[in-house]
Amino acid sequence: MTDSSARTALEVADWRRSVFALYDAVRRTPDPAEAHALWRTGRDDLMGTHPASALTGDERERFNGLPVAPYDADWRFELPILEAEPGSFEFPTGTDGVVPFERIGRVEIPDAGSLDVWRLTTYGGGLFVPVRDALAGRPGGTYGGGRYLLDTIKGADLGSDTERRTIVLDLNFAYNPSCAYDPAWACPLAQPGNVLSVPVPVGELYA
């Protein structure tokens, strides 16, 4: 391993550590709106200053915050994971080979639609819930490939209840994957079962 690749690996590890710490602080903040403000500040800090940010050096110099909609409590839910037809998909990456996902269930977003819940089946496991809404790809809307709600293997986790078999999905925390800012990143995007026909005007937008 070269000095450069070792440095990059350490930077990515520190990014992951910082994201886990941020979401831990979010989960421990009782008021969801305050938790959202904390998350927004923390994500801005990481994107604007961290060496593992998906923003290039020039973009970081011009960076003055991500476009995030004001918090709307109507988009926060604690939902049971419902049964769903078995399913899977594989995502090829340039660095990690083919990454396989298994559908373990689905959640019903009130007045919005159904989203599949995926599990990463290789090392580390983890839940993954992306979403693509009716604003995707529109000017001033959301990222065309969809956003992430949960990606627990990377720390993006708002909480769950094992006994009740529920997960917290707060669409105000929807965020853009790294490939939205740098095409050098490979990101699994929303599958057909993770597409909503309604607009979701909260969370991180895409200017």
C-alpha atoms as a PDB file:
ATOM      1  CA  MET A   1       0.000   0.000   0.000  1.00  0.00           C
ATOM      2  CA  THR A   2       1.365   3.427  -0.948  1.00  0.00           C
ATOM      3  CA  ASP A   3       1.500   6.376   1.434  1.00  0.00           C
ATOM      4  CA  SER A   4      -1.203   8.036  -0.667  1.00  0.00           C
ATOM      5  CA  SER A   5      -3.611   5.090  -0.509  1.00  0.00           C
ATOM      6  CA  ALA A   6      -2.995   4.663   3.223  1.00  0.00           C
ATOM      7  CA  ARG A   7      -3.771   8.332   3.782  1.00  0.00           C
ATOM      8  CA  THR A   8      -6.963   8.048   1.722  1.00  0.00           C
ATOM      9  CA  ALA A   9      -8.057   4.950   3.664  1.00  0.00           C
ATOM     10  CA  LEU A  10      -7.513   6.750   6.964  1.00  0.00           C
ATOM     11  CA  GLU A  11      -9.453   9.771   5.733  1.00  0.00           C
ATOM     12  CA  VAL A  12     -12.417   7.593   4.705  1.00  0.00           C
ATOM     13  CA  ALA A  13     -12.289   5.789   8.061  1.00  0.00           C
ATOM     14  CA  ASP A  14     -12.379   9.125   9.855  1.00  0.00           C
ATOM     15  CA  TRP A  15     -15.312  10.253   7.685  1.00  0.00           C
ATOM     16  CA  ARG A  16     -17.247   7.109   8.628  1.00  0.00           C
ATOM     17  CA  ARG A  17     -16.392   7.617  12.299  1.00  0.00           C
ATOM     18  CA  SER A  18     -17.627  11.199  12.111  1.00  0.00           C
ATOM     19  CA  VAL A  19     -20.890  10.180  10.425  1.00  0.00           C
ATOM     20  CA  PHE A  20     -21.563   7.522  13.072  1.00  0.00           C
ATOM     21  CA  ALA A  21     -20.927  10.100  15.801  1.00  0.00           C
ATOM     22  CA  LEU A  22     -23.213  12.629  14.120  1.00  0.00           C
ATOM     23  CA  TYR A  23     -26.130  10.209  13.863  1.00  0.00           C
ATOM     24  CA  ASP A  24     -25.552   9.067  17.447  1.00  0.00           C
ATOM     25  CA  ALA A  25     -25.946  12.680  18.543  1.00  0.00           C
ATOM     26  CA  VAL A  26     -29.056  13.001  16.351  1.00  0.00           C
ATOM     27  CA  ARG A  27     -30.679   9.941  17.959  1.00  0.00           C
ATOM     28  CA  ARG A  28     -29.940  11.289  21.449  1.00  0.00           C
ATOM     29  CA  THR A  29     -31.581  14.659  20.701  1.00  0.00           C
ATOM     30  CA  PRO A  30     -35.242  14.396  21.819  1.00  0.00           C
ATOM     31  CA  ASP A  31     -36.667  17.151  19.645  1.00  0.00           C
ATOM     32  CA  PRO A  32     -36.666  16.078  15.963  1.00  0.00           C
ATOM     33  CA  ALA A  33     -36.374  19.655  14.660  1.00  0.00           C
ATOM     34  CA  GLU A  34     -33.327  20.279  16.883  1.00  0.00           C
ATOM     35  CA  ALA A  35     -31.883  16.946  15.794  1.00  0.00           C
ATOM     36  CA  HIS A  36     -32.364  17.977  12.167  1.00  0.00           C
ATOM     37  CA  ALA A  37     -30.581  21.298  12.755  1.00  0.00           C
ATOM     38  CA  LEU A  38     -27.697  19.390  14.365  1.00  0.00           C
ATOM     39  CA  TRP A  39     -27.552  16.987  11.424  1.00  0.00           C
ATOM     40  CA  ARG A  40     -27.609  19.810   8.913  1.00  0.00           C
ATOM     41  CA  THR A  41     -24.759  21.658  10.636  1.00  0.00           C
ATOM     42  CA  GLY A  42     -22.727  18.471  10.971  1.00  0.00           C
ATOM     43  CA  ARG A  43     -23.225  17.436   7.352  1.00  0.00           C
ATOM     44  CA  ASP A  44     -22.289  20.906   6.135  1.00  0.00           C
ATOM     45  CA  ASP A  45     -19.113  20.763   8.210  1.00  0.00           C
ATOM     46  CA  LEU A  46     -18.147  17.356   6.851  1.00  0.00           C
ATOM     47  CA  MET A  47     -18.900  18.241   3.239  1.00  0.00           C
ATOM     48  CA  GLY A  48     -17.141  21.580   3.461  1.00  0.00           C
ATOM     49  CA  THR A  49     -14.007  20.687   5.404  1.00  0.00           C
ATOM     50  CA  HIS A  50     -13.338  16.956   5.564  1.00  0.00           C
ATOM     51  CA  PRO A  51     -10.645  15.573   3.212  1.00  0.00           C
ATOM     52  CA  ALA A  52     -12.894  12.604   2.318  1.00  0.00           C
ATOM     53  CA  SER A  53     -15.753  14.884   1.192  1.00  0.00           C
ATOM     54  CA  ALA A  54     -17.189  14.187  -2.257  1.00  0.00           C
ATOM     55  CA  LEU A  55     -16.672  17.873  -3.057  1.00  0.00           C
ATOM     56  CA  THR A  56     -13.500  18.772  -4.924  1.00  0.00           C
ATOM     57  CA  GLY A  57     -11.020  21.228  -3.471  1.00  0.00           C
ATOM     58  CA  ASP A  58     -12.359  24.100  -5.595  1.00  0.00           C
ATOM     59  CA  GLU A  59     -15.949  23.265  -4.678  1.00  0.00           C
ATOM     60  CA  ARG A  60     -15.042  23.180  -0.994  1.00  0.00           C
ATOM     61  CA  GLU A  61     -13.547  26.660  -1.248  1.00  0.00           C
ATOM     62  CA  ARG A  62     -16.841  27.991  -2.671  1.00  0.00           C
ATOM     63  CA  PHE A  63     -19.039  25.880  -0.395  1.00  0.00           C
ATOM     64  CA  ASN A  64     -21.490  27.712   1.868  1.00  0.00           C
ATOM     65  CA  GLY A  65     -23.876  24.915   2.840  1.00  0.00           C
ATOM     66  CA  LEU A  66     -26.021  22.198   1.303  1.00  0.00           C
ATOM     67  CA  PRO A  67     -29.527  23.058   0.066  1.00  0.00           C
ATOM     68  CA  VAL A  68     -31.772  21.527   2.741  1.00  0.00           C
ATOM     69  CA  ALA A  69     -35.488  22.277   3.120  1.00  0.00           C
ATOM     70  CA  PRO A  70     -36.876  23.504   6.463  1.00  0.00           C
ATOM     71  CA  TYR A  71     -37.923  20.772   8.884  1.00  0.00           C
ATOM     72  CA  ASP A  72     -41.490  19.498   8.493  1.00  0.00           C
ATOM     73  CA  ALA A  73     -42.683  17.130  11.243  1.00  0.00           C
ATOM     74  CA  ASP A  74     -45.336  15.650   8.926  1.00  0.00           C
ATOM     75  CA  TRP A  75     -42.591  13.700   7.153  1.00  0.00           C
ATOM     76  CA  ARG A  76     -41.322  11.837  10.238  1.00  0.00           C
ATOM     77  CA  PHE A  77     -42.526   8.254  10.835  1.00  0.00           C
ATOM     78  CA  GLU A  78     -41.832   5.150  12.891  1.00  0.00           C
ATOM     79  CA  LEU A  79     -42.994   2.330  10.655  1.00  0.00           C
ATOM     80  CA  PRO A  80     -43.255  -1.449  10.866  1.00  0.00           C
ATOM     81  CA  ILE A  81     -41.333  -3.515   8.358  1.00  0.00           C
ATOM     82  CA  LEU A  82     -44.002  -5.387   6.416  1.00  0.00           C
ATOM     83  CA  GLU A  83     -43.653  -8.590   4.448  1.00  0.00           C
ATOM     84  CA  ALA A  84     -42.618  -8.298   0.813  1.00  0.00           C
ATOM     85  CA  GLU A  85     -41.869 -10.613  -2.059  1.00  0.00           C
ATOM     86  CA  PRO A  86     -38.289 -11.931  -1.997  1.00  0.00           C
ATOM     87  CA  GLY A  87     -36.014  -9.931  -4.220  1.00  0.00           C
ATOM     88  CA  SER A  88     -32.427  -8.932  -4.765  1.00  0.00           C
ATOM     89  CA  PHE A  89     -30.184  -6.762  -6.846  1.00  0.00           C
ATOM     90  CA  GLU A  90     -26.469  -6.531  -7.409  1.00  0.00           C
ATOM     91  CA  PHE A  91     -24.555  -3.308  -7.738  1.00  0.00           C
ATOM     92  CA  PRO A  92     -21.173  -3.325  -9.512  1.00  0.00           C
ATOM     93  CA  THR A  93     -18.560  -0.920  -8.154  1.00  0.00           C
ATOM     94  CA  GLY A  94     -15.104  -0.012  -9.330  1.00  0.00           C
ATOM     95  CA  THR A  95     -13.435  -0.764  -6.000  1.00  0.00           C
ATOM     96  CA  ASP A  96     -15.569  -3.232  -4.035  1.00  0.00           C
ATOM     97  CA  GLY A  97     -16.620  -5.604  -6.790  1.00  0.00           C
ATOM     98  CA  VAL A  98     -20.279  -6.574  -7.032  1.00  0.00           C
ATOM     99  CA  VAL A  99     -22.283  -5.582  -3.940  1.00  0.00           C
ATOM    100  CA  PRO A 100     -25.420  -7.728  -3.394  1.00  0.00           C
ATOM    101  CA  PHE A 101     -28.621  -6.578  -1.680  1.00  0.00           C
ATOM    102  CA  GLU A 102     -31.609  -8.623  -0.475  1.00  0.00           C
ATOM    103  CA  ARG A 103     -35.131  -7.256   0.021  1.00  0.00           C
ATOM    104  CA  ILE A 104     -36.204  -8.032   3.590  1.00  0.00           C
ATOM    105  CA  GLY A 105     -39.514  -6.159   3.609  1.00  0.00           C
ATOM    106  CA  ARG A 106     -41.178  -2.870   2.888  1.00  0.00           C
ATOM    107  CA  VAL A 107     -42.634   0.133   4.702  1.00  0.00           C
ATOM    108  CA  GLU A 108     -45.754   2.105   3.874  1.00  0.00           C
ATOM    109  CA  ILE A 109     -45.261   5.887   3.975  1.00  0.00           C
ATOM    110  CA  PRO A 110     -48.656   7.426   4.823  1.00  0.00           C
ATOM    111  CA  ASP A 111     -50.157   9.276   1.838  1.00  0.00           C
ATOM    112  CA  ALA A 112     -46.963   8.691  -0.162  1.00  0.00           C
ATOM    113  CA  GLY A 113     -46.439   5.027  -1.033  1.00  0.00           C
ATOM    114  CA  SER A 114     -44.330   1.976  -0.348  1.00  0.00           C
ATOM    115  CA  LEU A 115     -40.542   1.722  -0.025  1.00  0.00           C
ATOM    116  CA  ASP A 116     -38.556  -1.500  -0.090  1.00  0.00           C
ATOM    117  CA  VAL A 117     -36.153  -2.206   2.771  1.00  0.00           C
ATOM    118  CA  TRP A 118     -32.897  -3.806   1.651  1.00  0.00           C
ATOM    119  CA  ARG A 119     -30.145  -5.662   3.477  1.00  0.00           C
ATOM    120  CA  LEU A 120     -26.554  -5.739   2.350  1.00  0.00           C
ATOM    121  CA  THR A 121     -25.761  -9.456   2.265  1.00  0.00           C
ATOM    122  CA  THR A 122     -21.969  -9.275   2.307  1.00  0.00           C
ATOM    123  CA  TYR A 123     -19.544  -8.368   5.079  1.00  0.00           C
ATOM    124  CA  GLY A 124     -20.950  -5.890   7.585  1.00  0.00           C
ATOM    125  CA  GLY A 125     -24.622  -6.312   6.731  1.00  0.00           C
ATOM    126  CA  GLY A 126     -26.743  -3.215   7.204  1.00  0.00           C
ATOM    127  CA  LEU A 127     -30.122  -1.809   6.205  1.00  0.00           C
ATOM    128  CA  PHE A 128     -30.493   0.337   3.116  1.00  0.00           C
ATOM    129  CA  VAL A 129     -33.519   2.445   2.159  1.00  0.00           C
ATOM    130  CA  PRO A 130     -33.168   4.811  -0.801  1.00  0.00           C
ATOM    131  CA  VAL A 131     -35.982   6.942  -2.207  1.00  0.00           C
ATOM    132  CA  ARG A 132     -36.665   8.631  -5.534  1.00  0.00           C
ATOM    133  CA  ASP A 133     -39.617  11.018  -5.556  1.00  0.00           C
ATOM    134  CA  ALA A 134     -41.587  13.036  -8.109  1.00  0.00           C
ATOM    135  CA  LEU A 135     -39.174  15.989  -7.798  1.00  0.00           C
ATOM    136  CA  ALA A 136     -36.188  13.907  -8.909  1.00  0.00           C
ATOM    137  CA  GLY A 137     -34.255  15.484 -11.757  1.00  0.00           C
ATOM    138  CA  ARG A 138     -36.333  18.651 -11.826  1.00  0.00           C
ATOM    139  CA  PRO A 139     -34.739  22.107 -11.491  1.00  0.00           C
ATOM    140  CA  GLY A 140     -34.617  23.002  -7.818  1.00  0.00           C
ATOM    141  CA  GLY A 141     -35.893  19.526  -6.980  1.00  0.00           C
ATOM    142  CA  THR A 142     -34.122  16.414  -5.760  1.00  0.00           C
ATOM    143  CA  TYR A 143     -31.238  14.368  -7.132  1.00  0.00           C
ATOM    144  CA  GLY A 144     -32.265  12.432 -10.233  1.00  0.00           C
ATOM    145  CA  GLY A 145     -30.878   9.138  -9.026  1.00  0.00           C
ATOM    146  CA  GLY A 146     -32.634   9.355  -5.692  1.00  0.00           C
ATOM    147  CA  ARG A 147     -31.582  10.022  -2.121  1.00  0.00           C
ATOM    148  CA  TYR A 148     -30.764   7.874   0.907  1.00  0.00           C
ATOM    149  CA  LEU A 149     -32.940   7.628   4.023  1.00  0.00           C
ATOM    150  CA  LEU A 150     -31.065   4.829   5.768  1.00  0.00           C
ATOM    151  CA  ASP A 151     -27.638   3.342   5.117  1.00  0.00           C
ATOM    152  CA  THR A 152     -26.792   1.831   8.468  1.00  0.00           C
ATOM    153  CA  ILE A 153     -23.500   0.254   7.449  1.00  0.00           C
ATOM    154  CA  LYS A 154     -22.228   3.793   6.869  1.00  0.00           C
ATOM    155  CA  GLY A 155     -23.824   5.208  10.002  1.00  0.00           C
ATOM    156  CA  ALA A 156     -26.954   6.832   8.559  1.00  0.00           C
ATOM    157  CA  ASP A 157     -29.367   5.377  11.103  1.00  0.00           C
ATOM    158  CA  LEU A 158     -32.226   7.217  12.840  1.00  0.00           C
ATOM    159  CA  GLY A 159     -33.190   4.326  15.097  1.00  0.00           C
ATOM    160  CA  SER A 160     -35.209   1.127  15.263  1.00  0.00           C
ATOM    161  CA  ASP A 161     -37.151  -1.045  17.690  1.00  0.00           C
ATOM    162  CA  THR A 162     -36.250  -4.716  17.439  1.00  0.00           C
ATOM    163  CA  GLU A 163     -39.211  -5.953  19.466  1.00  0.00           C
ATOM    164  CA  ARG A 164     -41.783  -3.964  17.500  1.00  0.00           C
ATOM    165  CA  ARG A 165     -39.890  -4.524  14.229  1.00  0.00           C
ATOM    166  CA  THR A 166     -40.066  -0.848  13.350  1.00  0.00           C
ATOM    167  CA  ILE A 167     -37.632   1.666  11.913  1.00  0.00           C
ATOM    168  CA  VAL A 168     -37.594   5.443  12.095  1.00  0.00           C
ATOM    169  CA  LEU A 169     -37.862   7.038   8.673  1.00  0.00           C
ATOM    170  CA  ASP A 170     -37.689  10.821   8.710  1.00  0.00           C
ATOM    171  CA  LEU A 171     -37.665  12.091   5.145  1.00  0.00           C
ATOM    172  CA  ASN A 172     -36.319  15.431   6.378  1.00  0.00           C
ATOM    173  CA  PHE A 173     -33.017  13.555   6.697  1.00  0.00           C
ATOM    174  CA  ALA A 174     -33.003  12.340   3.080  1.00  0.00           C
ATOM    175  CA  TYR A 175     -29.535  13.077   1.704  1.00  0.00           C
ATOM    176  CA  ASN A 176     -27.769  12.886  -1.617  1.00  0.00           C
ATOM    177  CA  PRO A 177     -25.274  10.069  -2.227  1.00  0.00           C
ATOM    178  CA  SER A 178     -21.675  11.022  -2.939  1.00  0.00           C
ATOM    179  CA  CYS A 179     -22.093  10.379  -6.670  1.00  0.00           C
ATOM    180  CA  ALA A 180     -24.462  13.359  -6.816  1.00  0.00           C
ATOM    181  CA  TYR A 181     -21.412  15.556  -6.269  1.00  0.00           C
ATOM    182  CA  ASP A 182     -18.599  13.537  -7.824  1.00  0.00           C
ATOM    183  CA  PRO A 183     -19.183  10.951 -10.600  1.00  0.00           C
ATOM    184  CA  ALA A 184     -16.004   9.160  -9.509  1.00  0.00           C
ATOM    185  CA  TRP A 185     -18.070   7.670  -6.677  1.00  0.00           C
ATOM    186  CA  ALA A 186     -20.205   4.582  -7.375  1.00  0.00           C
ATOM    187  CA  CYS A 187     -23.534   4.629  -5.512  1.00  0.00           C
ATOM    188  CA  PRO A 188     -26.414   2.132  -5.502  1.00  0.00           C
ATOM    189  CA  LEU A 189     -29.516   4.091  -6.451  1.00  0.00           C
ATOM    190  CA  ALA A 190     -33.248   3.719  -5.909  1.00  0.00           C
ATOM    191  CA  GLN A 191     -34.724   0.498  -7.263  1.00  0.00           C
ATOM    192  CA  PRO A 192     -38.266   0.387  -8.756  1.00  0.00           C
ATOM    193  CA  GLY A 193     -39.704  -0.444  -5.323  1.00  0.00           C
ATOM    194  CA  ASN A 194     -38.139   2.694  -3.884  1.00  0.00           C
ATOM    195  CA  VAL A 195     -39.790   5.193  -6.208  1.00  0.00           C
ATOM    196  CA  LEU A 196     -42.613   7.407  -4.935  1.00  0.00           C
ATOM    197  CA  SER A 197     -45.053   9.068  -7.329  1.00  0.00           C
ATOM    198  CA  VAL A 198     -45.519  12.043  -4.989  1.00  0.00           C
ATOM    199  CA  PRO A 199     -43.118  14.941  -4.403  1.00  0.00           C
ATOM    200  CA  VAL A 200     -41.043  14.820  -1.225  1.00  0.00           C
ATOM    201  CA  PRO A 201     -40.083  18.487  -0.739  1.00  0.00           C
ATOM    202  CA  VAL A 202     -38.019  17.948   2.427  1.00  0.00           C
ATOM    203  CA  GLY A 203     -34.456  16.835   3.069  1.00  0.00           C
ATOM    204  CA  GLU A 204     -31.412  17.629   0.988  1.00  0.00           C
ATOM    205  CA  LEU A 205     -32.305  19.128  -2.375  1.00  0.00           C
ATOM    206  CA  TYR A 206     -30.253  19.351  -5.564  1.00  0.00           C
ATOM    207  CA  ALA A 207     -29.609  22.785  -6.980  1.00  0.00           C
END
